[in-house]
Amino acid sequence: MTQTRQRSETRPLPKAHDVRPRIMKGQEWLAETFRRSQVPGIFFVPTFLYSTLGELARDPVKRVLCHAEKAAGYMADGCAQASGRPGIVITQGGPGACNLAAGLAEPWMSHTPVLALTARTTGRYHGAWQAVNPYFGNVTKWDTDVPSLARLPDLLGEAYRQATTGAPAPVHLAIEFGAEWEEADFGEQMLDDRYFIQPAARPAADDAAVAEAVRWLQEAEQPLIVAGRGAITSGAWDAITALAERLNVPVATSLGGKGSIDGGHRLSVGVQGGYRRPVATQMVGEADLIVCIGNQVGGATPLKQTTPIISINIDPSQPATGQDYPHTLPLVGDARVVVEQMLAVVGAGEPAAHAQWVRHCETAVQAWWQAENERVASDAVPIRPERLAVDVVNALPADALVVADTGYNAAWSGAFMDLPAGKNYLCCEGSMGWAFPASLGAKVGAGDRPVVCWTGDGAFYCHLPELETAVRNQISTITVILNNHALVFDTHLLQGVWSQWDDVDALSEFTEMNFAKLATGMGANGIRVTDPRDIGPAIQAGLAFDGPTVIDVVTDHGAVAPVGMMATTAEGGWVNTPERIA
């Protein structure tokens, strides 16, 4: 008999009743809704829903005025991921909404519930003021107009439901400008509180399919769990660790799934994929069975089509349900619930006999760390990023939340930061510059938890004005900048792949910048680190400071991150002239 696991709260049977009128202004009802949702912060760029924001003046919800719509969207994204509640971003329509649409690409790719509210522009004449309507359909799960205040309750309720059920995603409402000032009868309750959190529903998989999956795992000789971002969204790290220990199965993760098992656990092989620990990708290739838990299979989790796959995913449309991978057993359901179902089937018997495979994985991981030890322990100046990543983790408390940018920043943090199990790491899906504004939103959503942004100088430049936002709002994050005065990933690609051109460095190099001085000038705490022995003390100073801290770390320009394409052509990468990289 299938057991459907629901939340522990019990709800009384709703009773038919006479709906009493509740005449309110739209601004009052919206403010009341945001209070009910317990959203920690609202991120906005003027000018829309000012009256609603005014109604929240004495509420604990933080109203964060941002410098740019794209950054505001990233902050709402970070806040949603850290808090587990849909993030809220508000901008005007027209050009402002166009800017916001670009900022929703990240939460769309990461399956983060963000509620985007913009003004509905309905210019009566061709060429009317700001009468440009962006297309949100490619970056949202649901996008609709709210033509009147009377439709706001049911459409906002549907937006929350769409954002938090199934695979979470952003939603967008274009609300008629001025609707908040009007009055309407809000007597009928159209919003359900269960959709103010994610995941809003936790469906279980078919019991027969779960039993078959356990049998596959027990019969495989070299099984490997690959946990993705959905495992973190579901809070499945304890269940995944328990299943791995019961069946003696090693665990790799995608970058977004980092935290699905403690990084130092004996069964952890690390992050696989493009921005990876190479040994983890090697283990994916050697496995004779892959258990995908909450993955988007593709570029970040490349699997061989000939390898059998058990796919645990709340979204039945994911490729690893048989469309592109024919040897697949799909378990459609919430990641944590389905893994708990598997644990119930396994019971308390003897662990599966994968001892030789586990020793092979452990030995490979140990050999990788030994090979990297010279760089991890290096006292070289400029500072090696491997040393920086390890020292930052060693200086942080166990409950710290790391927010990492893309490119080399993703690879250094993914490979070298061994973090505890849990939601301790948020990563970028590909939009350079995301991490800094996302870390500000994450701090608003995470409360007292320390939040550390891990980014490069090129990425930090993208949304540098938001440092003033952090100062003004007293958002106490630590931003660690890997400063190599370049888009150094691109520099190394140019040097290693297109070195036949003259002056290729002009395509990716910056002038040198002291970000510590810049931060100090903007009212933040600026610290410049040029000696690796000062990394730990700088982190401690940032943790003690009441306000944003920027730690400008001068890093080795020639350090090549463990990115798949930066391997030599002989190793399956792109680089044909590695000797020219500096």
Protein backbone atom coordinates (compact mmCIF):
# COMPACT_ATOMS: atom_id res chain seq x y z
CA MET A 1 0.00 0.00 0.00
CA THR A 2 1.47 3.35 -1.04
CA GLN A 3 2.15 5.67 1.87
CA THR A 4 1.86 9.34 0.95
CA ARG A 5 3.87 11.44 3.36
CA GLN A 6 2.35 14.80 4.18
CA ARG A 7 3.36 17.59 6.53
CA SER A 8 2.83 16.86 10.20
CA GLU A 9 0.32 19.70 10.69
CA THR A 10 -3.31 18.60 10.75
CA ARG A 11 -5.98 20.70 9.07
CA PRO A 12 -9.64 20.66 10.12
CA LEU A 13 -12.24 19.91 7.48
CA PRO A 14 -13.29 23.25 5.96
CA LYS A 15 -16.92 24.09 6.65
CA ALA A 16 -19.38 25.91 4.48
CA HIS A 17 -19.90 29.42 5.76
CA ASP A 18 -21.38 32.74 4.90
CA VAL A 19 -18.59 34.90 3.52
CA ARG A 20 -18.51 38.21 5.32
CA PRO A 21 -17.46 41.28 3.34
CA ARG A 22 -13.96 42.61 3.96
CA ILE A 23 -13.69 45.92 2.18
CA MET A 24 -9.99 46.83 1.92
CA LYS A 25 -7.67 48.74 -0.31
CA GLY A 26 -5.45 46.63 -2.52
CA GLN A 27 -2.34 47.94 -0.74
CA GLU A 28 -3.70 46.78 2.63
CA TRP A 29 -4.55 43.31 1.33
CA LEU A 30 -1.16 42.87 -0.37
CA ALA A 31 0.68 43.94 2.77
CA GLU A 32 -1.41 41.52 4.84
CA THR A 33 -0.61 38.72 2.37
CA PHE A 34 3.13 39.39 2.54
CA ARG A 35 2.95 39.30 6.34
CA ARG A 36 1.16 35.95 6.20
CA SER A 37 3.76 34.56 3.83
CA GLN A 38 6.51 35.37 6.38
CA VAL A 39 8.81 36.48 3.57
CA PRO A 40 12.00 37.87 5.21
CA GLY A 41 12.57 40.63 2.66
CA ILE A 42 11.19 42.35 -0.44
CA PHE A 43 13.61 43.62 -3.07
CA PHE A 44 12.52 46.43 -5.34
CA VAL A 45 13.46 49.16 -7.79
CA PRO A 46 11.04 52.13 -7.95
CA THR A 47 8.39 52.94 -8.87
CA PHE A 48 5.61 50.41 -8.26
CA LEU A 49 3.55 49.23 -5.28
CA TYR A 50 4.92 52.07 -3.14
CA SER A 51 1.70 52.19 -1.11
CA THR A 52 1.99 48.47 -0.32
CA LEU A 53 5.59 48.91 0.76
CA GLY A 54 4.50 51.84 2.90
CA GLU A 55 1.95 49.63 4.67
CA LEU A 56 4.88 47.38 5.72
CA ALA A 57 6.87 50.19 7.35
CA ARG A 58 6.49 48.78 10.87
CA ASP A 59 6.75 45.12 9.92
CA PRO A 60 9.81 42.89 10.34
CA VAL A 61 9.94 42.27 6.58
CA LYS A 62 13.02 44.04 5.23
CA ARG A 63 12.32 46.41 2.34
CA VAL A 64 15.50 46.57 0.25
CA LEU A 65 15.81 49.35 -2.32
CA CYS A 66 18.23 48.14 -5.02
CA HIS A 67 20.16 49.94 -7.73
CA ALA A 68 19.19 47.66 -10.63
CA GLU A 69 16.33 45.32 -11.46
CA LYS A 70 18.55 42.39 -12.41
CA ALA A 71 20.37 42.58 -9.07
CA ALA A 72 17.03 42.83 -7.26
CA GLY A 73 15.94 39.59 -8.95
CA TYR A 74 19.17 37.91 -7.84
CA MET A 75 18.61 39.08 -4.26
CA ALA A 76 15.09 37.62 -4.27
CA ASP A 77 16.61 34.39 -5.64
CA GLY A 78 19.19 34.19 -2.84
CA CYS A 79 16.58 35.03 -0.21
CA ALA A 80 14.26 32.29 -1.45
CA GLN A 81 17.00 29.66 -1.49
CA ALA A 82 18.20 30.54 2.01
CA SER A 83 14.76 30.88 3.63
CA GLY A 84 12.73 28.23 1.80
CA ARG A 85 10.02 30.78 1.04
CA PRO A 86 9.25 32.39 -2.34
CA GLY A 87 11.33 35.49 -2.86
CA ILE A 88 9.58 38.72 -3.87
CA VAL A 89 10.90 41.29 -6.34
CA ILE A 90 8.99 44.40 -7.44
CA THR A 91 9.81 46.71 -10.36
CA GLN A 92 7.98 49.07 -12.63
CA GLY A 93 6.85 47.92 -16.06
CA GLY A 94 8.34 48.71 -19.42
CA PRO A 95 12.15 48.96 -19.45
CA GLY A 96 12.31 48.06 -15.75
CA ALA A 97 10.45 44.83 -16.38
CA CYS A 98 12.77 44.10 -19.34
CA ASN A 99 15.75 44.38 -17.01
CA LEU A 100 14.07 42.11 -14.45
CA ALA A 101 13.33 39.41 -17.02
CA ALA A 102 17.08 38.92 -17.50
CA GLY A 103 17.44 38.55 -13.73
CA LEU A 104 14.93 35.67 -13.65
CA ALA A 105 17.06 33.42 -15.86
CA GLU A 106 19.08 32.31 -12.82
CA PRO A 107 16.14 31.26 -10.59
CA TRP A 108 14.52 29.68 -13.65
CA MET A 109 17.56 27.44 -14.21
CA SER A 110 18.00 26.70 -10.49
CA HIS A 111 14.28 25.99 -9.91
CA THR A 112 13.90 28.71 -7.29
CA PRO A 113 10.44 30.13 -6.48
CA VAL A 114 10.55 33.88 -7.06
CA LEU A 115 7.41 36.02 -7.25
CA ALA A 116 8.05 38.87 -9.71
CA LEU A 117 5.55 41.73 -9.63
CA THR A 118 5.67 44.47 -12.27
CA ALA A 119 3.35 47.23 -13.43
CA ARG A 120 1.07 46.35 -16.32
CA THR A 121 1.76 48.68 -19.22
CA THR A 122 -1.22 49.21 -21.51
CA GLY A 123 -0.35 52.24 -23.61
CA ARG A 124 -3.29 53.28 -25.79
CA TYR A 125 -1.10 54.73 -28.50
CA HIS A 126 1.86 53.46 -30.52
CA GLY A 127 5.06 54.73 -28.92
CA ALA A 128 3.41 55.55 -25.58
CA TRP A 129 5.70 56.26 -22.63
CA GLN A 130 7.54 53.09 -21.53
CA ALA A 131 5.05 50.95 -23.47
CA VAL A 132 7.36 48.00 -24.00
CA ASN A 133 6.28 44.58 -22.80
CA PRO A 134 9.03 42.01 -22.16
CA TYR A 135 8.40 38.32 -22.65
CA PHE A 136 8.64 36.43 -19.36
CA GLY A 137 7.53 33.08 -20.78
CA ASN A 138 11.06 31.72 -21.18
CA VAL A 139 12.08 32.42 -17.57
CA THR A 140 8.91 31.70 -15.60
CA LYS A 141 6.65 28.75 -14.92
CA TRP A 142 3.56 30.98 -15.01
CA ASP A 143 3.14 34.50 -16.40
CA THR A 144 -0.11 36.45 -16.52
CA ASP A 145 -1.69 39.89 -16.36
CA VAL A 146 -3.79 41.09 -13.43
CA PRO A 147 -6.25 43.42 -15.20
CA SER A 148 -8.10 44.58 -12.08
CA LEU A 149 -7.98 44.50 -8.30
CA ALA A 150 -10.87 42.03 -8.25
CA ARG A 151 -8.68 39.41 -9.95
CA LEU A 152 -5.65 39.93 -7.70
CA PRO A 153 -6.58 37.42 -4.93
CA ASP A 154 -7.15 34.41 -7.16
CA LEU A 155 -4.26 35.17 -9.53
CA LEU A 156 -1.78 35.81 -6.71
CA GLY A 157 -2.92 32.60 -5.03
CA GLU A 158 -2.34 30.70 -8.27
CA ALA A 159 1.10 32.32 -8.63
CA TYR A 160 2.19 31.06 -5.21
CA ARG A 161 0.84 27.58 -6.01
CA GLN A 162 2.65 27.43 -9.32
CA ALA A 163 5.91 28.68 -7.79
CA THR A 164 6.11 26.09 -5.00
CA THR A 165 4.58 22.88 -6.36
CA GLY A 166 6.24 20.32 -8.58
CA ALA A 167 9.59 21.64 -9.72
CA PRO A 168 9.72 25.15 -8.14
CA ALA A 169 10.26 28.10 -10.47
CA PRO A 170 9.74 31.86 -10.81
CA VAL A 171 6.33 33.29 -11.65
CA HIS A 172 5.38 36.75 -12.91
CA LEU A 173 2.32 38.95 -12.46
CA ALA A 174 1.88 42.19 -14.40
CA ILE A 175 -0.53 44.12 -12.16
CA GLU A 176 -2.63 47.00 -13.43
CA PHE A 177 -0.97 50.21 -12.29
CA GLY A 178 -3.00 51.93 -9.55
CA ALA A 179 -4.96 48.81 -8.59
CA GLU A 180 -3.46 48.88 -5.10
CA TRP A 181 -5.15 52.20 -4.38
CA GLU A 182 -8.63 50.90 -5.14
CA GLU A 183 -11.02 49.13 -2.77
CA ALA A 184 -12.52 45.68 -3.16
CA ASP A 185 -14.26 42.96 -1.18
CA PHE A 186 -11.62 40.50 0.02
CA GLY A 187 -14.05 38.35 2.02
CA GLU A 188 -13.37 35.11 0.13
CA GLN A 189 -10.01 33.66 1.10
CA MET A 190 -8.16 32.77 -2.11
CA LEU A 191 -4.70 32.02 -0.74
CA ASP A 192 -3.58 28.82 0.96
CA ASP A 193 -0.73 29.14 3.45
CA ARG A 194 0.81 25.80 2.40
CA TYR A 195 2.02 27.50 -0.80
CA PHE A 196 4.07 30.05 1.11
CA ILE A 197 6.85 27.49 1.59
CA GLN A 198 8.78 25.09 -0.63
CA PRO A 199 8.35 22.29 -1.29
CA ALA A 200 4.63 22.84 -0.81
CA ALA A 201 3.82 19.18 -1.46
CA ARG A 202 5.86 16.01 -0.91
CA PRO A 203 4.49 13.20 -3.11
CA ALA A 204 5.74 9.64 -2.67
CA ALA A 205 6.81 7.35 -5.50
CA ASP A 206 5.13 4.09 -6.45
CA ASP A 207 6.03 1.42 -3.87
CA ALA A 208 6.66 -1.30 -6.45
CA ALA A 209 9.08 0.94 -8.34
CA VAL A 210 10.86 1.80 -5.08
CA ALA A 211 11.31 -1.88 -4.25
CA GLU A 212 12.70 -2.51 -7.73
CA ALA A 213 15.13 0.39 -7.34
CA VAL A 214 16.44 -1.04 -4.06
CA ARG A 215 16.94 -4.39 -5.77
CA TRP A 216 18.93 -2.72 -8.55
CA LEU A 217 21.12 -1.03 -5.96
CA GLN A 218 21.75 -4.24 -4.05
CA GLU A 219 22.63 -6.18 -7.22
CA ALA A 220 24.94 -3.54 -8.74
CA GLU A 221 28.68 -3.98 -8.24
CA GLN A 222 29.71 -0.33 -8.60
CA PRO A 223 26.68 1.86 -7.83
CA LEU A 224 27.03 5.62 -7.33
CA ILE A 225 24.56 8.16 -5.96
CA VAL A 226 24.66 11.53 -7.75
CA ALA A 227 22.67 14.09 -5.76
CA GLY A 228 21.54 17.36 -7.32
CA ARG A 229 20.02 20.67 -6.33
CA GLY A 230 16.60 19.07 -5.83
CA ALA A 231 18.03 17.03 -2.97
CA ILE A 232 18.98 20.26 -1.20
CA THR A 233 15.62 21.90 -1.91
CA SER A 234 13.90 18.85 -0.43
CA GLY A 235 16.17 18.76 2.65
CA ALA A 236 17.18 15.20 1.82
CA TRP A 237 20.80 15.21 3.09
CA ASP A 238 20.16 13.12 6.21
CA ALA A 239 18.15 10.55 4.27
CA ILE A 240 20.76 10.36 1.48
CA THR A 241 23.58 9.89 3.99
CA ALA A 242 21.60 7.15 5.76
CA LEU A 243 20.87 5.34 2.46
CA ALA A 244 24.51 5.57 1.39
CA GLU A 245 25.65 4.12 4.73
CA ARG A 246 23.01 1.35 4.75
CA LEU A 247 23.87 0.17 1.23
CA ASN A 248 27.56 1.15 1.28
CA VAL A 249 27.26 3.36 -1.81
CA PRO A 250 29.59 6.30 -2.61
CA VAL A 251 28.02 9.71 -3.22
CA ALA A 252 28.91 12.37 -5.78
CA THR A 253 26.96 15.59 -6.24
CA SER A 254 26.33 18.23 -8.83
CA LEU A 255 27.54 21.71 -7.90
CA GLY A 256 24.00 22.63 -6.81
CA GLY A 257 23.73 19.38 -4.85
CA LYS A 258 26.80 20.13 -2.74
CA GLY A 259 25.78 19.48 0.87
CA SER A 260 23.79 16.32 0.10
CA ILE A 261 26.42 14.54 2.22
CA ASP A 262 29.18 15.87 4.44
CA GLY A 263 32.16 16.71 2.24
CA GLY A 264 34.48 14.87 4.60
CA HIS A 265 32.39 11.69 4.81
CA ARG A 266 34.22 8.52 3.77
CA LEU A 267 31.56 7.87 1.08
CA SER A 268 31.76 11.37 -0.43
CA VAL A 269 33.69 11.63 -3.69
CA GLY A 270 32.89 15.29 -4.35
CA VAL A 271 31.39 17.43 -7.10
CA GLN A 272 31.23 15.91 -10.59
CA GLY A 273 30.42 17.60 -13.90
CA GLY A 274 32.00 20.61 -15.61
CA TYR A 275 33.04 22.58 -12.51
CA ARG A 276 34.24 19.57 -10.60
CA ARG A 277 36.65 17.48 -8.66
CA PRO A 278 38.08 15.38 -11.53
CA VAL A 279 38.06 12.17 -9.49
CA ALA A 280 34.30 12.48 -8.96
CA THR A 281 33.68 12.68 -12.70
CA GLN A 282 35.96 9.67 -13.09
CA MET A 283 33.79 7.68 -10.65
CA VAL A 284 30.65 8.60 -12.61
CA GLY A 285 32.25 7.08 -15.68
CA GLU A 286 33.23 3.88 -13.84
CA ALA A 287 29.89 3.26 -12.09
CA ASP A 288 27.63 0.48 -13.35
CA LEU A 289 24.51 2.10 -11.85
CA ILE A 290 23.76 5.78 -11.17
CA VAL A 291 21.12 6.92 -8.69
CA CYS A 292 20.19 10.49 -9.68
CA ILE A 293 18.46 12.35 -6.84
CA GLY A 294 16.98 15.71 -7.79
CA ASN A 295 19.23 16.25 -10.81
CA GLN A 296 18.87 18.11 -14.04
CA VAL A 297 20.76 15.61 -16.15
CA GLY A 298 22.76 17.20 -18.94
CA GLY A 299 25.71 19.60 -18.92
CA ALA A 300 26.12 19.76 -15.14
CA THR A 301 25.55 16.01 -14.72
CA PRO A 302 26.78 14.30 -17.90
CA LEU A 303 25.94 10.59 -17.86
CA LYS A 304 26.60 7.82 -20.35
CA GLN A 305 23.44 6.69 -22.12
CA THR A 306 24.47 3.05 -21.66
CA THR A 307 24.62 3.26 -17.85
CA PRO A 308 21.46 2.16 -15.98
CA ILE A 309 19.92 5.04 -14.03
CA ILE A 310 17.52 5.26 -11.11
CA SER A 311 16.04 8.75 -11.42
CA ILE A 312 14.41 10.32 -8.36
CA ASN A 313 12.76 13.56 -9.40
CA ILE A 314 9.60 15.46 -8.60
CA ASP A 315 9.44 16.51 -12.26
CA PRO A 316 8.54 13.58 -14.54
CA SER A 317 9.68 15.54 -17.60
CA GLN A 318 13.36 15.43 -16.62
CA PRO A 319 15.56 13.79 -19.31
CA ALA A 320 16.73 11.02 -16.97
CA THR A 321 13.27 9.49 -16.92
CA GLY A 322 13.83 7.60 -20.14
CA GLN A 323 13.61 10.22 -22.89
CA ASP A 324 17.37 10.50 -23.45
CA TYR A 325 18.52 7.69 -21.18
CA PRO A 326 16.77 4.45 -22.17
CA HIS A 327 17.98 2.30 -19.25
CA THR A 328 16.15 4.32 -16.63
CA LEU A 329 13.90 3.47 -13.71
CA PRO A 330 11.97 6.65 -12.83
CA LEU A 331 10.81 7.30 -9.27
CA VAL A 332 8.60 10.37 -9.48
CA GLY A 333 8.26 12.10 -6.12
CA ASP A 334 9.86 14.36 -3.55
CA ALA A 335 13.55 13.53 -3.10
CA ARG A 336 13.53 13.19 0.68
CA VAL A 337 10.30 11.19 0.76
CA VAL A 338 11.43 8.76 -1.94
CA VAL A 339 14.83 8.17 -0.31
CA GLU A 340 13.02 7.51 2.97
CA GLN A 341 10.81 5.00 1.13
CA MET A 342 13.96 3.24 -0.09
CA LEU A 343 15.34 3.16 3.45
CA ALA A 344 12.12 1.54 4.66
CA VAL A 345 12.50 -1.19 2.02
CA VAL A 346 16.17 -1.78 2.87
CA GLY A 347 15.40 -2.25 6.55
CA ALA A 348 18.06 -3.12 9.11
CA GLY A 349 19.82 -5.97 7.34
CA GLU A 350 23.48 -6.24 6.45
CA PRO A 351 24.89 -3.50 4.20
CA ALA A 352 25.24 -4.36 0.51
CA ALA A 353 28.58 -5.83 -0.48
CA HIS A 354 30.22 -2.93 -2.29
CA ALA A 355 33.36 -2.90 -0.16
CA GLN A 356 35.85 -3.19 -3.04
CA TRP A 357 34.17 -0.39 -4.99
CA VAL A 358 34.04 1.84 -1.92
CA ARG A 359 37.77 1.27 -1.23
CA HIS A 360 38.52 2.13 -4.84
CA CYS A 361 36.60 5.42 -4.54
CA GLU A 362 38.18 6.30 -1.19
CA THR A 363 41.67 5.59 -2.52
CA ALA A 364 41.04 7.71 -5.61
CA VAL A 365 39.81 10.67 -3.53
CA GLN A 366 42.79 10.41 -1.16
CA ALA A 367 45.18 10.28 -4.11
CA TRP A 368 43.58 13.40 -5.57
CA TRP A 369 43.98 15.33 -2.30
CA GLN A 370 47.60 14.18 -2.04
CA ALA A 371 48.28 15.39 -5.57
CA GLU A 372 46.77 18.79 -4.70
CA ASN A 373 48.48 19.09 -1.31
CA GLU A 374 51.37 21.19 -2.60
CA ARG A 375 48.94 23.85 -3.84
CA VAL A 376 46.58 23.58 -0.86
CA ALA A 377 49.47 24.14 1.58
CA SER A 378 51.31 26.67 -0.60
CA ASP A 379 52.70 29.85 0.96
CA ALA A 380 53.21 31.32 -2.51
CA VAL A 381 52.44 34.95 -3.27
CA PRO A 382 50.20 35.75 -5.13
CA ILE A 383 47.95 33.33 -3.25
CA ARG A 384 46.89 29.98 -4.70
CA PRO A 385 43.07 29.68 -4.92
CA GLU A 386 43.27 26.11 -3.57
CA ARG A 387 44.86 27.41 -0.36
CA LEU A 388 42.33 30.22 -0.16
CA ALA A 389 39.33 27.88 -0.50
CA VAL A 390 40.52 25.50 2.22
CA ASP A 391 41.57 28.27 4.62
CA VAL A 392 38.25 30.10 4.23
CA VAL A 393 36.32 26.95 5.18
CA ASN A 394 38.63 26.28 8.13
CA ALA A 395 37.99 29.80 9.44
CA LEU A 396 34.20 29.67 9.16
CA PRO A 397 31.72 28.32 11.73
CA ALA A 398 29.89 25.12 10.78
CA ASP A 399 26.62 26.95 10.06
CA ALA A 400 28.08 29.36 7.50
CA LEU A 401 26.41 29.65 4.09
CA VAL A 402 28.72 30.01 1.07
CA VAL A 403 27.33 31.68 -2.07
CA ALA A 404 29.56 31.03 -5.09
CA ASP A 405 29.73 32.64 -8.52
CA THR A 406 30.26 30.85 -11.82
CA GLY A 407 33.36 29.93 -13.82
CA TYR A 408 36.61 29.39 -11.98
CA ASN A 409 34.93 30.55 -8.76
CA ALA A 410 32.49 27.64 -9.02
CA ALA A 411 35.27 25.14 -9.74
CA TRP A 412 37.58 26.22 -6.89
CA SER A 413 34.76 26.19 -4.34
CA GLY A 414 33.14 23.03 -5.67
CA ALA A 415 36.36 21.00 -5.63
CA PHE A 416 38.16 22.31 -2.55
CA MET A 417 35.49 23.40 -0.07
CA ASP A 418 34.47 20.39 2.03
CA LEU A 419 31.34 21.61 3.82
CA PRO A 420 28.98 19.91 6.29
CA ALA A 421 25.81 18.22 5.07
CA GLY A 422 22.92 20.64 4.70
CA LYS A 423 21.98 23.80 2.84
CA ASN A 424 25.42 25.35 3.24
CA TYR A 425 26.27 26.20 -0.38
CA LEU A 426 24.40 28.14 -3.06
CA CYS A 427 25.81 28.26 -6.55
CA CYS A 428 25.30 30.19 -9.74
CA GLU A 429 23.79 28.46 -12.76
CA GLY A 430 25.82 30.55 -15.20
CA SER A 431 25.09 34.30 -14.87
CA MET A 432 28.41 35.92 -13.99
CA GLY A 433 28.01 38.40 -11.13
CA TRP A 434 25.03 36.61 -9.54
CA ALA A 435 26.76 35.66 -6.30
CA PHE A 436 27.24 39.11 -4.75
CA PRO A 437 23.60 40.33 -4.92
CA ALA A 438 22.39 36.77 -4.24
CA SER A 439 24.49 36.67 -1.08
CA LEU A 440 22.82 39.88 0.15
CA GLY A 441 19.41 38.29 -0.38
CA ALA A 442 20.63 35.07 1.22
CA LYS A 443 21.70 36.97 4.31
CA VAL A 444 18.25 38.57 4.57
CA GLY A 445 16.75 35.08 4.31
CA ALA A 446 19.27 33.30 6.54
CA GLY A 447 18.97 35.52 9.61
CA ASP A 448 21.88 35.13 12.01
CA ARG A 449 23.79 32.60 9.88
CA PRO A 450 27.11 33.90 8.52
CA VAL A 451 26.95 34.33 4.75
CA VAL A 452 30.09 34.39 2.59
CA CYS A 453 30.12 35.43 -1.05
CA TRP A 454 32.88 33.72 -3.07
CA THR A 455 33.47 35.63 -6.29
CA GLY A 456 36.03 36.97 -8.72
CA ASP A 457 36.93 40.54 -9.55
CA GLY A 458 35.22 40.31 -12.95
CA ALA A 459 32.01 39.03 -11.36
CA PHE A 460 32.11 41.60 -8.54
CA TYR A 461 32.29 44.45 -11.04
CA CYS A 462 28.91 43.39 -12.50
CA HIS A 463 26.85 44.58 -9.52
CA LEU A 464 29.35 46.63 -7.54
CA PRO A 465 26.80 49.44 -6.80
CA GLU A 466 24.87 46.99 -4.61
CA LEU A 467 27.67 47.32 -2.05
CA GLU A 468 25.99 50.63 -1.18
CA THR A 469 22.74 48.69 -0.81
CA ALA A 470 24.44 46.38 1.70
CA VAL A 471 25.91 49.31 3.65
CA ARG A 472 22.62 51.24 3.74
CA ASN A 473 20.64 48.20 4.86
CA GLN A 474 23.32 46.89 7.26
CA ILE A 475 23.46 43.51 5.51
CA SER A 476 26.44 41.85 7.17
CA THR A 477 27.95 39.56 4.57
CA ILE A 478 31.59 38.69 3.89
CA THR A 479 32.60 38.96 0.23
CA VAL A 480 35.82 37.16 -0.69
CA ILE A 481 37.12 38.45 -4.04
CA LEU A 482 39.63 36.33 -5.95
CA ASN A 483 41.42 39.30 -7.50
CA ASN A 484 43.59 38.39 -10.48
CA HIS A 485 42.78 41.59 -12.43
CA ALA A 486 41.14 39.60 -15.24
CA LEU A 487 38.37 37.40 -16.50
CA VAL A 488 41.08 34.83 -16.01
CA PHE A 489 39.05 31.85 -17.21
CA ASP A 490 38.78 33.64 -20.57
CA THR A 491 42.44 34.65 -20.46
CA HIS A 492 43.49 31.03 -20.04
CA LEU A 493 41.15 29.87 -22.81
CA LEU A 494 42.57 32.51 -25.13
CA GLN A 495 46.14 31.59 -24.24
CA GLY A 496 45.56 27.84 -24.41
CA VAL A 497 43.24 27.60 -27.43
CA TRP A 498 43.59 30.74 -29.56
CA SER A 499 47.19 31.70 -28.88
CA GLN A 500 47.86 32.31 -32.58
CA TRP A 501 46.31 35.77 -32.30
CA ASP A 502 48.28 38.85 -31.30
CA ASP A 503 47.52 40.59 -28.00
CA VAL A 504 44.81 38.14 -26.91
CA ASP A 505 45.05 39.42 -23.32
CA ALA A 506 43.34 42.64 -24.42
CA LEU A 507 40.14 40.59 -24.71
CA SER A 508 39.96 39.61 -21.03
CA GLU A 509 42.37 41.61 -18.83
CA PHE A 510 41.52 44.50 -16.47
CA THR A 511 43.57 47.20 -14.81
CA GLU A 512 44.60 46.35 -11.26
CA MET A 513 42.12 47.43 -8.58
CA ASN A 514 42.28 47.61 -4.79
CA PHE A 515 38.74 46.57 -3.84
CA ALA A 516 39.48 46.98 -0.13
CA LYS A 517 40.05 50.72 -0.61
CA LEU A 518 36.97 50.94 -2.82
CA ALA A 519 34.86 49.17 -0.17
CA THR A 520 36.14 51.43 2.58
CA GLY A 521 35.25 54.46 0.50
CA MET A 522 31.68 53.16 0.18
CA GLY A 523 31.32 52.67 3.94
CA ALA A 524 32.04 48.95 4.14
CA ASN A 525 34.83 47.11 5.92
CA GLY A 526 37.64 46.62 3.39
CA ILE A 527 40.49 44.17 3.97
CA ARG A 528 43.28 43.40 1.48
CA VAL A 529 45.06 40.06 1.76
CA THR A 530 48.35 39.40 -0.03
CA ASP A 531 49.84 36.79 2.35
CA PRO A 532 48.07 33.42 2.75
CA ARG A 533 48.77 33.49 6.49
CA ASP A 534 46.30 36.40 6.75
CA ILE A 535 43.31 34.57 5.25
CA GLY A 536 41.96 33.16 8.53
CA PRO A 537 42.37 36.44 10.49
CA ALA A 538 40.60 38.35 7.69
CA ILE A 539 37.60 36.00 7.86
CA GLN A 540 37.49 36.38 11.65
CA ALA A 541 37.54 40.18 11.28
CA GLY A 542 34.67 39.98 8.82
CA LEU A 543 32.63 37.79 11.15
CA ALA A 544 33.12 40.31 13.96
CA PHE A 545 32.18 43.36 11.89
CA ASP A 546 28.62 44.74 12.03
CA GLY A 547 28.07 45.42 8.35
CA PRO A 548 29.36 44.23 4.99
CA THR A 549 33.01 43.21 4.68
CA VAL A 550 34.96 42.95 1.42
CA ILE A 551 38.12 40.81 1.55
CA ASP A 552 40.22 41.55 -1.52
CA VAL A 553 42.57 38.58 -2.01
CA VAL A 554 45.35 38.92 -4.56
CA THR A 555 45.39 35.49 -6.25
CA ASP A 556 47.68 33.74 -8.71
CA HIS A 557 46.83 34.82 -12.25
CA GLY A 558 48.27 31.59 -13.65
CA ALA A 559 46.24 29.19 -11.46
CA VAL A 560 44.04 27.01 -13.67
CA ALA A 561 40.84 25.74 -12.04
CA PRO A 562 39.65 22.11 -12.37
CA VAL A 563 37.20 22.92 -15.17
CA GLY A 564 36.54 20.19 -17.72
CA MET A 565 37.25 22.29 -20.81
CA MET A 566 40.57 23.51 -19.35
CA ALA A 567 42.02 20.00 -19.59
CA THR A 568 44.36 19.36 -22.51
CA THR A 569 43.01 17.97 -25.75
CA ALA A 570 44.67 14.65 -24.91
CA GLU A 571 42.55 14.56 -21.72
CA GLY A 572 39.32 15.46 -23.50
CA GLY A 573 39.53 19.22 -22.91
CA TRP A 574 40.07 22.19 -25.19
CA VAL A 575 43.64 23.31 -24.40
CA ASN A 576 46.23 22.65 -27.12
CA THR A 577 48.96 25.03 -25.91
CA PRO A 578 49.05 24.62 -22.08
CA GLU A 579 52.60 26.00 -21.94
CA ARG A 580 51.30 29.46 -22.92
CA ILE A 581 48.95 29.78 -19.92
CA ALA A 582 50.31 32.21 -17.32
